[in-house]
Amino acid sequence: MANTVSALKRVRMTERRTAVNRMRKSRLRHQIRTMRRALEEKNTQSASQLLPATFSLVDRAAKWGIIKRNTAARYKSRLTSRLRKLSAA
């Protein structure tokens, strides 16, 4: 266990940051899941409305370091292509 004041503070800060990161990652997963469900249900209107909010959350998660930038780009690319295929059909 940490015994210096600064080490104890780092432990407290790490716990707080871990909780925040867990909440952010959970929110990201829920948003992506909602978007995917709308695409699976072939609900173009709902998916189109969810797209900007989902992209915003994905970009913020990448900025915060929750996911990597390439992972964010992959998510956005795949969701966009699925929406375009759905809109075209």
PDB file of N, CA and C in Angstrom:
ATOM      1  N   MET A   1       0.847  -1.190   0.000  1.00  0.00           N
ATOM      2  CA  MET A   1       0.000   0.000   0.000  1.00  0.00           C
ATOM      3  C   MET A   1       0.883   1.241   0.000  1.00  0.00           C
ATOM      4  N   ALA A   2       0.384   2.280  -0.627  1.00  0.00           N
ATOM      5  CA  ALA A   2       1.132   3.531  -0.712  1.00  0.00           C
ATOM      6  C   ALA A   2       1.221   4.188   0.651  1.00  0.00           C
ATOM      7  N   ASN A   3       2.396   4.737   0.961  1.00  0.00           N
ATOM      8  CA  ASN A   3       2.524   5.391   2.272  1.00  0.00           C
ATOM      9  C   ASN A   3       2.874   6.871   2.192  1.00  0.00           C
ATOM     10  N   THR A   4       3.236   7.390   1.045  1.00  0.00           N
ATOM     11  CA  THR A   4       3.510   8.826   0.990  1.00  0.00           C
ATOM     12  C   THR A   4       2.221   9.562   0.630  1.00  0.00           C
ATOM     13  N   VAL A   5       2.198  10.833   0.959  1.00  0.00           N
ATOM     14  CA  VAL A   5       1.006  11.640   0.701  1.00  0.00           C
ATOM     15  C   VAL A   5       0.728  11.700  -0.797  1.00  0.00           C
ATOM     16  N   SER A   6       1.780  11.892  -1.584  1.00  0.00           N
ATOM     17  CA  SER A   6       1.592  12.005  -3.034  1.00  0.00           C
ATOM     18  C   SER A   6       1.122  10.677  -3.634  1.00  0.00           C
ATOM     19  N   ALA A   7       1.631   9.560  -3.124  1.00  0.00           N
ATOM     20  CA  ALA A   7       1.208   8.249  -3.627  1.00  0.00           C
ATOM     21  C   ALA A   7      -0.253   7.982  -3.272  1.00  0.00           C
ATOM     22  N   LEU A   8      -0.670   8.382  -2.077  1.00  0.00           N
ATOM     23  CA  LEU A   8      -2.073   8.226  -1.688  1.00  0.00           C
ATOM     24  C   LEU A   8      -2.976   9.074  -2.574  1.00  0.00           C
ATOM     25  N   LYS A   9      -2.504  10.280  -2.894  1.00  0.00           N
ATOM     26  CA  LYS A   9      -3.281  11.152  -3.775  1.00  0.00           C
ATOM     27  C   LYS A   9      -3.402  10.518  -5.167  1.00  0.00           C
ATOM     28  N   ARG A  10      -2.320   9.934  -5.666  1.00  0.00           N
ATOM     29  CA  ARG A  10      -2.355   9.286  -6.977  1.00  0.00           C
ATOM     30  C   ARG A  10      -3.357   8.133  -6.979  1.00  0.00           C
ATOM     31  N   VAL A  11      -3.427   7.394  -5.876  1.00  0.00           N
ATOM     32  CA  VAL A  11      -4.390   6.298  -5.772  1.00  0.00           C
ATOM     33  C   VAL A  11      -5.811   6.839  -5.865  1.00  0.00           C
ATOM     34  N   ARG A  12      -6.072   7.933  -5.138  1.00  0.00           N
ATOM     35  CA  ARG A  12      -7.406   8.540  -5.178  1.00  0.00           C
ATOM     36  C   ARG A  12      -7.738   9.029  -6.588  1.00  0.00           C
ATOM     37  N   MET A  13      -6.784   9.685  -7.223  1.00  0.00           N
ATOM     38  CA  MET A  13      -7.011  10.227  -8.560  1.00  0.00           C
ATOM     39  C   MET A  13      -7.242   9.107  -9.574  1.00  0.00           C
ATOM     40  N   THR A  14      -6.484   8.036  -9.438  1.00  0.00           N
ATOM     41  CA  THR A  14      -6.632   6.906 -10.355  1.00  0.00           C
ATOM     42  C   THR A  14      -8.010   6.278 -10.231  1.00  0.00           C
ATOM     43  N   GLU A  15      -8.487   6.123  -9.001  1.00  0.00           N
ATOM     44  CA  GLU A  15      -9.821   5.562  -8.796  1.00  0.00           C
ATOM     45  C   GLU A  15     -10.895   6.439  -9.434  1.00  0.00           C
ATOM     46  N   ARG A  16     -10.739   7.756  -9.266  1.00  0.00           N
ATOM     47  CA  ARG A  16     -11.706   8.692  -9.828  1.00  0.00           C
ATOM     48  C   ARG A  16     -11.681   8.633 -11.358  1.00  0.00           C
ATOM     49  N   ARG A  17     -10.472   8.639 -11.950  1.00  0.00           N
ATOM     50  CA  ARG A  17     -10.342   8.606 -13.404  1.00  0.00           C
ATOM     51  C   ARG A  17     -10.878   7.288 -13.972  1.00  0.00           C
ATOM     52  N   THR A  18     -10.628   6.184 -13.250  1.00  0.00           N
ATOM     53  CA  THR A  18     -11.110   4.881 -13.699  1.00  0.00           C
ATOM     54  C   THR A  18     -12.633   4.877 -13.752  1.00  0.00           C
ATOM     55  N   ALA A  19     -13.255   5.450 -12.749  1.00  0.00           N
ATOM     56  CA  ALA A  19     -14.720   5.508 -12.717  1.00  0.00           C
ATOM     57  C   ALA A  19     -15.257   6.348 -13.883  1.00  0.00           C
ATOM     58  N   VAL A  20     -14.608   7.468 -14.151  1.00  0.00           N
ATOM     59  CA  VAL A  20     -15.041   8.341 -15.247  1.00  0.00           C
ATOM     60  C   VAL A  20     -14.861   7.634 -16.582  1.00  0.00           C
ATOM     61  N   ASN A  21     -13.708   6.986 -16.768  1.00  0.00           N
ATOM     62  CA  ASN A  21     -13.443   6.290 -18.028  1.00  0.00           C
ATOM     63  C   ASN A  21     -14.413   5.139 -18.239  1.00  0.00           C
ATOM     64  N   ARG A  22     -14.744   4.429 -17.162  1.00  0.00           N
ATOM     65  CA  ARG A  22     -15.684   3.320 -17.266  1.00  0.00           C
ATOM     66  C   ARG A  22     -17.059   3.839 -17.691  1.00  0.00           C
ATOM     67  N   MET A  23     -17.486   4.962 -17.106  1.00  0.00           N
ATOM     68  CA  MET A  23     -18.768   5.557 -17.453  1.00  0.00           C
ATOM     69  C   MET A  23     -18.778   5.997 -18.924  1.00  0.00           C
ATOM     70  N   ARG A  24     -17.692   6.617 -19.368  1.00  0.00           N
ATOM     71  CA  ARG A  24     -17.619   7.090 -20.745  1.00  0.00           C
ATOM     72  C   ARG A  24     -17.628   5.926 -21.735  1.00  0.00           C
ATOM     73  N   LYS A  25     -16.905   4.872 -21.422  1.00  0.00           N
ATOM     74  CA  LYS A  25     -16.861   3.712 -22.314  1.00  0.00           C
ATOM     75  C   LYS A  25     -18.228   3.037 -22.377  1.00  0.00           C
ATOM     76  N   SER A  26     -18.901   2.978 -21.247  1.00  0.00           N
ATOM     77  CA  SER A  26     -20.233   2.387 -21.197  1.00  0.00           C
ATOM     78  C   SER A  26     -21.208   3.209 -22.041  1.00  0.00           C
ATOM     79  N   ARG A  27     -21.135   4.523 -21.918  1.00  0.00           N
ATOM     80  CA  ARG A  27     -22.008   5.404 -22.694  1.00  0.00           C
ATOM     81  C   ARG A  27     -21.745   5.235 -24.190  1.00  0.00           C
ATOM     82  N   LEU A  28     -20.469   5.100 -24.553  1.00  0.00           N
ATOM     83  CA  LEU A  28     -20.105   4.891 -25.954  1.00  0.00           C
ATOM     84  C   LEU A  28     -20.683   3.583 -26.471  1.00  0.00           C
ATOM     85  N   ARG A  29     -20.538   2.517 -25.697  1.00  0.00           N
ATOM     86  CA  ARG A  29     -21.057   1.217 -26.116  1.00  0.00           C
ATOM     87  C   ARG A  29     -22.568   1.253 -26.302  1.00  0.00           C
ATOM     88  N   HIS A  30     -23.268   1.910 -25.375  1.00  0.00           N
ATOM     89  CA  HIS A  30     -24.727   1.989 -25.465  1.00  0.00           C
ATOM     90  C   HIS A  30     -25.148   2.766 -26.709  1.00  0.00           C
ATOM     91  N   GLN A  31     -24.444   3.845 -27.008  1.00  0.00           N
ATOM     92  CA  GLN A  31     -24.792   4.656 -28.180  1.00  0.00           C
ATOM     93  C   GLN A  31     -24.569   3.861 -29.467  1.00  0.00           C
ATOM     94  N   ILE A  32     -23.449   3.147 -29.556  1.00  0.00           N
ATOM     95  CA  ILE A  32     -23.164   2.347 -30.744  1.00  0.00           C
ATOM     96  C   ILE A  32     -24.178   1.221 -30.873  1.00  0.00           C
ATOM     97  N   ARG A  33     -24.530   0.601 -29.750  1.00  0.00           N
ATOM     98  CA  ARG A  33     -25.523  -0.475 -29.757  1.00  0.00           C
ATOM     99  C   ARG A  33     -26.880   0.038 -30.251  1.00  0.00           C
ATOM    100  N   THR A  34     -27.279   1.221 -29.796  1.00  0.00           N
ATOM    101  CA  THR A  34     -28.542   1.823 -30.223  1.00  0.00           C
ATOM    102  C   THR A  34     -28.525   2.089 -31.726  1.00  0.00           C
ATOM    103  N   MET A  35     -27.396   2.595 -32.210  1.00  0.00           N
ATOM    104  CA  MET A  35     -27.252   2.882 -33.637  1.00  0.00           C
ATOM    105  C   MET A  35     -27.334   1.585 -34.451  1.00  0.00           C
ATOM    106  N   ARG A  36     -26.652   0.552 -34.000  1.00  0.00           N
ATOM    107  CA  ARG A  36     -26.672  -0.730 -34.709  1.00  0.00           C
ATOM    108  C   ARG A  36     -28.069  -1.350 -34.724  1.00  0.00           C
ATOM    109  N   ARG A  37     -28.791  -1.212 -33.617  1.00  0.00           N
ATOM    110  CA  ARG A  37     -30.165  -1.736 -33.565  1.00  0.00           C
ATOM    111  C   ARG A  37     -31.057  -1.021 -34.573  1.00  0.00           C
ATOM    112  N   ALA A  38     -30.888   0.291 -34.677  1.00  0.00           N
ATOM    113  CA  ALA A  38     -31.684   1.053 -35.644  1.00  0.00           C
ATOM    114  C   ALA A  38     -31.366   0.586 -37.065  1.00  0.00           C
ATOM    115  N   LEU A  39     -30.101   0.289 -37.332  1.00  0.00           N
ATOM    116  CA  LEU A  39     -29.714  -0.198 -38.657  1.00  0.00           C
ATOM    117  C   LEU A  39     -30.262  -1.600 -38.919  1.00  0.00           C
ATOM    118  N   GLU A  40     -30.234  -2.446 -37.896  1.00  0.00           N
ATOM    119  CA  GLU A  40     -30.753  -3.813 -38.059  1.00  0.00           C
ATOM    120  C   GLU A  40     -32.259  -3.818 -38.296  1.00  0.00           C
ATOM    121  N   GLU A  41     -32.940  -2.876 -37.660  1.00  0.00           N
ATOM    122  CA  GLU A  41     -34.386  -2.774 -37.833  1.00  0.00           C
ATOM    123  C   GLU A  41     -34.758  -2.062 -39.131  1.00  0.00           C
ATOM    124  N   LYS A  42     -33.743  -1.662 -39.889  1.00  0.00           N
ATOM    125  CA  LYS A  42     -33.914  -0.954 -41.169  1.00  0.00           C
ATOM    126  C   LYS A  42     -34.700   0.349 -40.986  1.00  0.00           C
ATOM    127  N   ASN A  43     -34.461   1.004 -39.862  1.00  0.00           N
ATOM    128  CA  ASN A  43     -35.118   2.268 -39.553  1.00  0.00           C
ATOM    129  C   ASN A  43     -34.183   3.406 -39.977  1.00  0.00           C
ATOM    130  N   THR A  44     -34.291   3.810 -41.229  1.00  0.00           N
ATOM    131  CA  THR A  44     -33.383   4.807 -41.805  1.00  0.00           C
ATOM    132  C   THR A  44     -33.498   6.155 -41.112  1.00  0.00           C
ATOM    133  N   GLN A  45     -34.723   6.554 -40.823  1.00  0.00           N
ATOM    134  CA  GLN A  45     -34.930   7.873 -40.209  1.00  0.00           C
ATOM    135  C   GLN A  45     -34.292   7.938 -38.823  1.00  0.00           C
ATOM    136  N   SER A  46     -34.517   6.927 -38.017  1.00  0.00           N
ATOM    137  CA  SER A  46     -33.946   6.888 -36.673  1.00  0.00           C
ATOM    138  C   SER A  46     -32.427   6.824 -36.726  1.00  0.00           C
ATOM    139  N   ALA A  47     -31.905   6.006 -37.632  1.00  0.00           N
ATOM    140  CA  ALA A  47     -30.455   5.862 -37.760  1.00  0.00           C
ATOM    141  C   ALA A  47     -29.819   7.175 -38.208  1.00  0.00           C
ATOM    142  N   SER A  48     -30.486   7.885 -39.108  1.00  0.00           N
ATOM    143  CA  SER A  48     -29.967   9.173 -39.582  1.00  0.00           C
ATOM    144  C   SER A  48     -29.914  10.197 -38.456  1.00  0.00           C
ATOM    145  N   GLN A  49     -30.905  10.154 -37.576  1.00  0.00           N
ATOM    146  CA  GLN A  49     -30.919  11.081 -36.445  1.00  0.00           C
ATOM    147  C   GLN A  49     -29.864  10.710 -35.405  1.00  0.00           C
ATOM    148  N   LEU A  50     -29.603   9.413 -35.246  1.00  0.00           N
ATOM    149  CA  LEU A  50     -28.627   8.956 -34.257  1.00  0.00           C
ATOM    150  C   LEU A  50     -27.185   9.149 -34.717  1.00  0.00           C
ATOM    151  N   LEU A  51     -26.976   9.243 -36.036  1.00  0.00           N
ATOM    152  CA  LEU A  51     -25.614   9.287 -36.576  1.00  0.00           C
ATOM    153  C   LEU A  51     -24.774  10.441 -36.024  1.00  0.00           C
ATOM    154  N   PRO A  52     -25.232  11.700 -36.025  1.00  0.00           N
ATOM    155  CA  PRO A  52     -24.386  12.784 -35.502  1.00  0.00           C
ATOM    156  C   PRO A  52     -24.039  12.614 -34.020  1.00  0.00           C
ATOM    157  N   ALA A  53     -25.004  12.174 -33.233  1.00  0.00           N
ATOM    158  CA  ALA A  53     -24.742  11.984 -31.795  1.00  0.00           C
ATOM    159  C   ALA A  53     -23.738  10.859 -31.580  1.00  0.00           C
ATOM    160  N   THR A  54     -23.868   9.802 -32.375  1.00  0.00           N
ATOM    161  CA  THR A  54     -22.945   8.678 -32.252  1.00  0.00           C
ATOM    162  C   THR A  54     -21.543   9.094 -32.657  1.00  0.00           C
ATOM    163  N   PHE A  55     -21.428   9.821 -33.770  1.00  0.00           N
ATOM    164  CA  PHE A  55     -20.111  10.272 -34.226  1.00  0.00           C
ATOM    165  C   PHE A  55     -19.466  11.202 -33.201  1.00  0.00           C
ATOM    166  N   SER A  56     -20.271  12.063 -32.610  1.00  0.00           N
ATOM    167  CA  SER A  56     -19.756  12.979 -31.601  1.00  0.00           C
ATOM    168  C   SER A  56     -19.179  12.211 -30.419  1.00  0.00           C
ATOM    169  N   LEU A  57     -19.913  11.207 -29.970  1.00  0.00           N
ATOM    170  CA  LEU A  57     -19.468  10.406 -28.829  1.00  0.00           C
ATOM    171  C   LEU A  57     -18.224   9.593 -29.173  1.00  0.00           C
ATOM    172  N   VAL A  58     -18.170   9.042 -30.389  1.00  0.00           N
ATOM    173  CA  VAL A  58     -17.007   8.269 -30.817  1.00  0.00           C
ATOM    174  C   VAL A  58     -15.771   9.168 -30.880  1.00  0.00           C
ATOM    175  N   ASP A  59     -15.932  10.365 -31.445  1.00  0.00           N
ATOM    176  CA  ASP A  59     -14.807  11.299 -31.546  1.00  0.00           C
ATOM    177  C   ASP A  59     -14.311  11.736 -30.173  1.00  0.00           C
ATOM    178  N   ARG A  60     -15.243  12.007 -29.269  1.00  0.00           N
ATOM    179  CA  ARG A  60     -14.846  12.405 -27.919  1.00  0.00           C
ATOM    180  C   ARG A  60     -14.146  11.274 -27.193  1.00  0.00           C
ATOM    181  N   ALA A  61     -14.629  10.043 -27.376  1.00  0.00           N
ATOM    182  CA  ALA A  61     -13.985   8.890 -26.743  1.00  0.00           C
ATOM    183  C   ALA A  61     -12.564   8.723 -27.257  1.00  0.00           C
ATOM    184  N   ALA A  62     -12.354   8.961 -28.544  1.00  0.00           N
ATOM    185  CA  ALA A  62     -11.008   8.874 -29.109  1.00  0.00           C
ATOM    186  C   ALA A  62     -10.124   9.988 -28.557  1.00  0.00           C
ATOM    187  N   LYS A  63     -10.698  11.162 -28.407  1.00  0.00           N
ATOM    188  CA  LYS A  63      -9.934  12.292 -27.874  1.00  0.00           C
ATOM    189  C   LYS A  63      -9.518  12.038 -26.430  1.00  0.00           C
ATOM    190  N   TRP A  64     -10.410  11.447 -25.658  1.00  0.00           N
ATOM    191  CA  TRP A  64     -10.126  11.164 -24.252  1.00  0.00           C
ATOM    192  C   TRP A  64      -9.206   9.973 -24.057  1.00  0.00           C
ATOM    193  N   GLY A  65      -9.015   9.167 -25.125  1.00  0.00           N
ATOM    194  CA  GLY A  65      -8.163   8.000 -24.996  1.00  0.00           C
ATOM    195  C   GLY A  65      -8.909   6.749 -24.555  1.00  0.00           C
ATOM    196  N   ILE A  66     -10.230   6.794 -24.607  1.00  0.00           N
ATOM    197  CA  ILE A  66     -11.028   5.624 -24.253  1.00  0.00           C
ATOM    198  C   ILE A  66     -10.860   4.557 -25.332  1.00  0.00           C
ATOM    199  N   ILE A  67     -10.887   5.000 -26.590  1.00  0.00           N
ATOM    200  CA  ILE A  67     -10.591   4.120 -27.721  1.00  0.00           C
ATOM    201  C   ILE A  67      -9.522   4.800 -28.568  1.00  0.00           C
ATOM    202  N   LYS A  68      -8.867   4.034 -29.424  1.00  0.00           N
ATOM    203  CA  LYS A  68      -7.833   4.609 -30.284  1.00  0.00           C
ATOM    204  C   LYS A  68      -8.470   5.325 -31.467  1.00  0.00           C
ATOM    205  N   ARG A  69      -7.714   6.230 -32.070  1.00  0.00           N
ATOM    206  CA  ARG A  69      -8.251   7.028 -33.176  1.00  0.00           C
ATOM    207  C   ARG A  69      -8.633   6.168 -34.378  1.00  0.00           C
ATOM    208  N   ASN A  70      -7.835   5.148 -34.673  1.00  0.00           N
ATOM    209  CA  ASN A  70      -8.170   4.273 -35.798  1.00  0.00           C
ATOM    210  C   ASN A  70      -9.424   3.460 -35.515  1.00  0.00           C
ATOM    211  N   THR A  71      -9.615   3.072 -34.269  1.00  0.00           N
ATOM    212  CA  THR A  71     -10.832   2.351 -33.885  1.00  0.00           C
ATOM    213  C   THR A  71     -12.042   3.255 -34.084  1.00  0.00           C
ATOM    214  N   ALA A  72     -11.906   4.510 -33.701  1.00  0.00           N
ATOM    215  CA  ALA A  72     -12.992   5.474 -33.887  1.00  0.00           C
ATOM    216  C   ALA A  72     -13.302   5.634 -35.374  1.00  0.00           C
ATOM    217  N   ALA A  73     -12.275   5.739 -36.184  1.00  0.00           N
ATOM    218  CA  ALA A  73     -12.472   5.894 -37.625  1.00  0.00           C
ATOM    219  C   ALA A  73     -13.154   4.661 -38.211  1.00  0.00           C
ATOM    220  N   ARG A  74     -12.776   3.482 -37.723  1.00  0.00           N
ATOM    221  CA  ARG A  74     -13.378   2.239 -38.210  1.00  0.00           C
ATOM    222  C   ARG A  74     -14.861   2.180 -37.850  1.00  0.00           C
ATOM    223  N   TYR A  75     -15.192   2.518 -36.601  1.00  0.00           N
ATOM    224  CA  TYR A  75     -16.591   2.537 -36.181  1.00  0.00           C
ATOM    225  C   TYR A  75     -17.402   3.467 -37.080  1.00  0.00           C
ATOM    226  N   LYS A  76     -16.900   4.670 -37.281  1.00  0.00           N
ATOM    227  CA  LYS A  76     -17.620   5.669 -38.063  1.00  0.00           C
ATOM    228  C   LYS A  76     -17.779   5.221 -39.511  1.00  0.00           C
ATOM    229  N   SER A  77     -16.734   4.654 -40.065  1.00  0.00           N
ATOM    230  CA  SER A  77     -16.775   4.203 -41.448  1.00  0.00           C
ATOM    231  C   SER A  77     -17.797   3.094 -41.636  1.00  0.00           C
ATOM    232  N   ARG A  78     -17.789   2.122 -40.753  1.00  0.00           N
ATOM    233  CA  ARG A  78     -18.700   0.983 -40.887  1.00  0.00           C
ATOM    234  C   ARG A  78     -20.156   1.392 -40.674  1.00  0.00           C
ATOM    235  N   LEU A  79     -20.381   2.272 -39.701  1.00  0.00           N
ATOM    236  CA  LEU A  79     -21.755   2.732 -39.469  1.00  0.00           C
ATOM    237  C   LEU A  79     -22.266   3.539 -40.657  1.00  0.00           C
ATOM    238  N   THR A  80     -21.406   4.383 -41.208  1.00  0.00           N
ATOM    239  CA  THR A  80     -21.802   5.201 -42.354  1.00  0.00           C
ATOM    240  C   THR A  80     -22.108   4.337 -43.560  1.00  0.00           C
ATOM    241  N   SER A  81     -21.250   3.344 -43.816  1.00  0.00           N
ATOM    242  CA  SER A  81     -21.477   2.496 -44.984  1.00  0.00           C
ATOM    243  C   SER A  81     -22.758   1.685 -44.830  1.00  0.00           C
ATOM    244  N   ARG A  82     -23.045   1.221 -43.614  1.00  0.00           N
ATOM    245  CA  ARG A  82     -24.290   0.469 -43.393  1.00  0.00           C
ATOM    246  C   ARG A  82     -25.506   1.364 -43.602  1.00  0.00           C
ATOM    247  N   LEU A  83     -25.416   2.618 -43.155  1.00  0.00           N
ATOM    248  CA  LEU A  83     -26.534   3.547 -43.337  1.00  0.00           C
ATOM    249  C   LEU A  83     -26.727   3.864 -44.815  1.00  0.00           C
ATOM    250  N   ARG A  84     -25.643   4.052 -45.552  1.00  0.00           N
ATOM    251  CA  ARG A  84     -25.762   4.329 -46.986  1.00  0.00           C
ATOM    252  C   ARG A  84     -26.383   3.159 -47.737  1.00  0.00           C
ATOM    253  N   LYS A  85     -25.977   1.937 -47.380  1.00  0.00           N
ATOM    254  CA  LYS A  85     -26.555   0.759 -48.036  1.00  0.00           C
ATOM    255  C   LYS A  85     -28.049   0.670 -47.747  1.00  0.00           C
ATOM    256  N   LEU A  86     -28.410   0.986 -46.494  1.00  0.00           N
ATOM    257  CA  LEU A  86     -29.806   0.934 -46.102  1.00  0.00           C
ATOM    258  C   LEU A  86     -30.618   2.005 -46.824  1.00  0.00           C
ATOM    259  N   SER A  87     -30.035   3.211 -46.963  1.00  0.00           N
ATOM    260  CA  SER A  87     -30.734   4.305 -47.626  1.00  0.00           C
ATOM    261  C   SER A  87     -30.907   4.024 -49.116  1.00  0.00           C
ATOM    262  N   ALA A  88     -29.901   3.394 -49.705  1.00  0.00           N
ATOM    263  CA  ALA A  88     -29.955   3.106 -51.143  1.00  0.00           C
ATOM    264  C   ALA A  88     -30.992   2.031 -51.464  1.00  0.00           C
ATOM    265  N   ALA A  89     -31.190   1.116 -50.539  1.00  0.00           N
ATOM    266  CA  ALA A  89     -32.113  -0.008 -50.799  1.00  0.00           C
ATOM    267  C   ALA A  89     -33.572   0.399 -50.721  1.00  0.00           C
TER     268      ALA A  89
END
